[in-house]
Amino acid sequence: MRQIIIPIVSLLSLAACMPTVEGYQALVDGWKGAPESQLVAQWGIPDSVYQTGGVKYLKYQSNRTVIIPGTAPTYTTTMIGNTAYTNSYGGSAPSAVAMSCETTFMLQNGKIVGTTFRGNDCKAMLPEA
C-alpha cells in the first residue's frame, strides 16, 4: 500500500508547482482596486485602449509558438542472404503549437474594477496562502 501512496503524493506535489488557469485568475483578480499607473508600471504600455461610457479598457496580448519535438523512428534490419533490408516504423514529425493570452482590465475613475482573459496561455502559479 505504501508503494502506491508515495507516487500519488509525488504527483500531487508536482501538480501544485504547475502554472494553472486558476493561478492566472488569482493573478489578474489581485489587480482589482489598483490604480492604472501601477498596472502600466508593472505590465507596460497596453497593446490597445478603448474607452466608452466612463469605462476604460486596457488590453494586453501575448503570442508565442511552442515547438514540440518529434520522435525518431525505430529501425529494423533483416538479412536475407547477402542483402540487408532496413525498415523504419513509428516516429513523428515535430509540431508547432500557437500559444496566446489576451487580458483586459476594466477601469473606472482610474481604478481597476474588473478583468477578463482568454487564450490557451493564460496560466500562472497559484499565490502562496
Protein backbone atom coordinates (compact mmCIF):
# COMPACT_ATOMS: atom_id res chain seq x y z
CA MET A 1 0.00 0.00 0.00
CA ARG A 2 2.84 2.35 0.85
CA GLN A 3 4.27 1.81 -2.65
CA ILE A 4 1.05 3.21 -4.14
CA ILE A 5 0.76 6.24 -1.82
CA ILE A 6 4.27 7.63 -2.44
CA PRO A 7 3.84 8.06 -6.24
CA ILE A 8 0.40 9.63 -5.75
CA VAL A 9 1.76 12.15 -3.22
CA SER A 10 4.66 12.89 -5.58
CA LEU A 11 2.29 13.57 -8.48
CA LEU A 12 0.12 15.86 -6.34
CA SER A 13 3.20 17.78 -5.19
CA LEU A 14 4.34 18.18 -8.79
CA ALA A 15 0.89 19.35 -9.91
CA ALA A 16 0.94 22.04 -7.19
CA CYS A 17 4.04 23.54 -8.87
CA MET A 18 2.45 23.88 -12.31
CA PRO A 19 1.00 27.13 -13.69
CA THR A 20 -2.80 26.96 -13.96
CA VAL A 21 -5.74 28.99 -15.26
CA GLU A 22 -6.86 29.34 -11.64
CA GLY A 23 -3.46 30.84 -10.81
CA TYR A 24 -3.84 33.34 -13.65
CA GLN A 25 -7.35 34.22 -12.45
CA ALA A 26 -5.93 34.90 -8.99
CA LEU A 27 -3.12 36.99 -10.52
CA VAL A 28 -5.40 39.29 -12.51
CA ASP A 29 -8.03 39.46 -9.74
CA GLY A 30 -5.28 40.70 -7.44
CA TRP A 31 -5.17 43.90 -9.52
CA LYS A 32 -8.74 44.89 -8.64
CA GLY A 33 -8.71 48.25 -6.88
CA ALA A 34 -5.19 49.13 -8.09
CA PRO A 35 -4.59 52.41 -9.95
CA GLU A 36 -3.97 52.44 -13.70
CA SER A 37 -0.48 53.89 -13.20
CA GLN A 38 0.56 50.89 -11.09
CA LEU A 39 -0.70 48.43 -13.72
CA VAL A 40 1.13 50.22 -16.55
CA ALA A 41 4.31 50.37 -14.44
CA GLN A 42 4.20 46.58 -13.96
CA TRP A 43 2.69 45.31 -17.25
CA GLY A 44 3.96 48.02 -19.58
CA ILE A 45 2.07 50.02 -22.16
CA PRO A 46 -1.12 48.20 -23.18
CA ASP A 47 -1.50 46.79 -26.69
CA SER A 48 -4.81 48.63 -27.07
CA VAL A 49 -7.01 51.03 -25.14
CA TYR A 50 -10.74 51.61 -25.57
CA GLN A 51 -13.00 53.95 -23.66
CA THR A 52 -16.79 54.14 -23.58
CA GLY A 53 -19.45 55.15 -21.09
CA GLY A 54 -16.98 56.09 -18.37
CA VAL A 55 -15.21 52.72 -18.55
CA LYS A 56 -11.67 52.37 -19.90
CA TYR A 57 -10.41 49.03 -21.20
CA LEU A 58 -6.68 48.20 -21.30
CA LYS A 59 -5.86 45.09 -23.34
CA TYR A 60 -2.60 43.15 -23.13
CA GLN A 61 -1.77 40.35 -25.57
CA SER A 62 0.99 37.76 -25.69
CA ASN A 63 1.62 35.33 -28.52
CA ARG A 64 4.28 32.66 -28.90
CA THR A 65 4.90 29.41 -30.70
CA VAL A 66 5.99 26.28 -28.87
CA ILE A 67 7.79 23.58 -30.85
CA ILE A 68 7.07 20.04 -29.72
CA PRO A 69 9.98 17.92 -30.92
CA GLY A 70 9.33 14.86 -32.99
CA THR A 71 10.45 11.37 -32.12
CA ALA A 72 12.87 9.24 -34.05
CA PRO A 73 11.59 6.15 -35.84
CA THR A 74 12.63 2.66 -34.90
CA TYR A 75 14.70 0.74 -37.46
CA THR A 76 14.87 -2.98 -38.00
CA THR A 77 17.31 -4.67 -40.33
CA THR A 78 16.71 -8.10 -41.78
CA MET A 79 19.37 -10.10 -43.59
CA ILE A 80 18.22 -12.25 -46.48
CA GLY A 81 21.18 -14.00 -47.98
CA ASN A 82 23.88 -11.38 -48.53
CA THR A 83 21.39 -8.47 -48.68
CA ALA A 84 20.34 -6.29 -45.73
CA TYR A 85 16.84 -4.81 -45.73
CA THR A 86 16.19 -1.96 -43.31
CA ASN A 87 12.68 -0.79 -42.47
CA SER A 88 11.61 2.08 -40.27
CA TYR A 89 8.39 2.43 -38.34
CA GLY A 90 6.93 4.82 -35.82
CA GLY A 91 8.34 8.20 -35.07
CA SER A 92 6.67 11.55 -35.52
CA ALA A 93 7.44 14.91 -37.08
CA PRO A 94 7.88 17.98 -34.88
CA SER A 95 4.81 20.18 -34.47
CA ALA A 96 4.25 23.85 -33.69
CA VAL A 97 1.59 24.96 -31.21
CA ALA A 98 0.39 28.58 -31.19
CA MET A 99 0.04 29.90 -27.63
CA SER A 100 -1.76 33.13 -26.79
CA CYS A 101 -3.25 35.08 -23.91
CA GLU A 102 -5.36 38.22 -24.12
CA THR A 103 -6.06 40.03 -20.84
CA THR A 104 -8.36 43.03 -20.50
CA PHE A 105 -8.52 45.27 -17.44
CA MET A 106 -11.64 47.43 -16.94
CA LEU A 107 -11.12 50.75 -15.18
CA GLN A 108 -13.47 53.32 -13.69
CA ASN A 109 -12.22 56.55 -12.12
CA GLY A 110 -8.62 55.41 -12.70
CA LYS A 111 -9.00 52.17 -10.69
CA ILE A 112 -9.23 48.57 -11.91
CA VAL A 113 -12.77 47.26 -11.34
CA GLY A 114 -12.76 44.08 -13.42
CA THR A 115 -10.72 41.71 -15.56
CA THR A 116 -11.27 39.20 -18.33
CA PHE A 117 -8.89 36.92 -20.17
CA ARG A 118 -8.93 34.29 -22.87
CA GLY A 119 -6.45 32.02 -24.60
CA ASN A 120 -4.54 28.81 -24.08
CA ASP A 121 -1.52 30.50 -22.47
CA CYS A 122 -3.26 32.36 -19.62
CA LYS A 123 -1.64 30.42 -16.80
CA ALA A 124 0.28 31.37 -13.65
CA MET A 125 1.35 29.86 -10.38
CA LEU A 126 -1.22 30.00 -7.58
CA PRO A 127 -0.19 32.55 -4.95
CA GLU A 128 1.03 31.10 -1.69
CA ALA A 129 -1.61 31.09 1.02
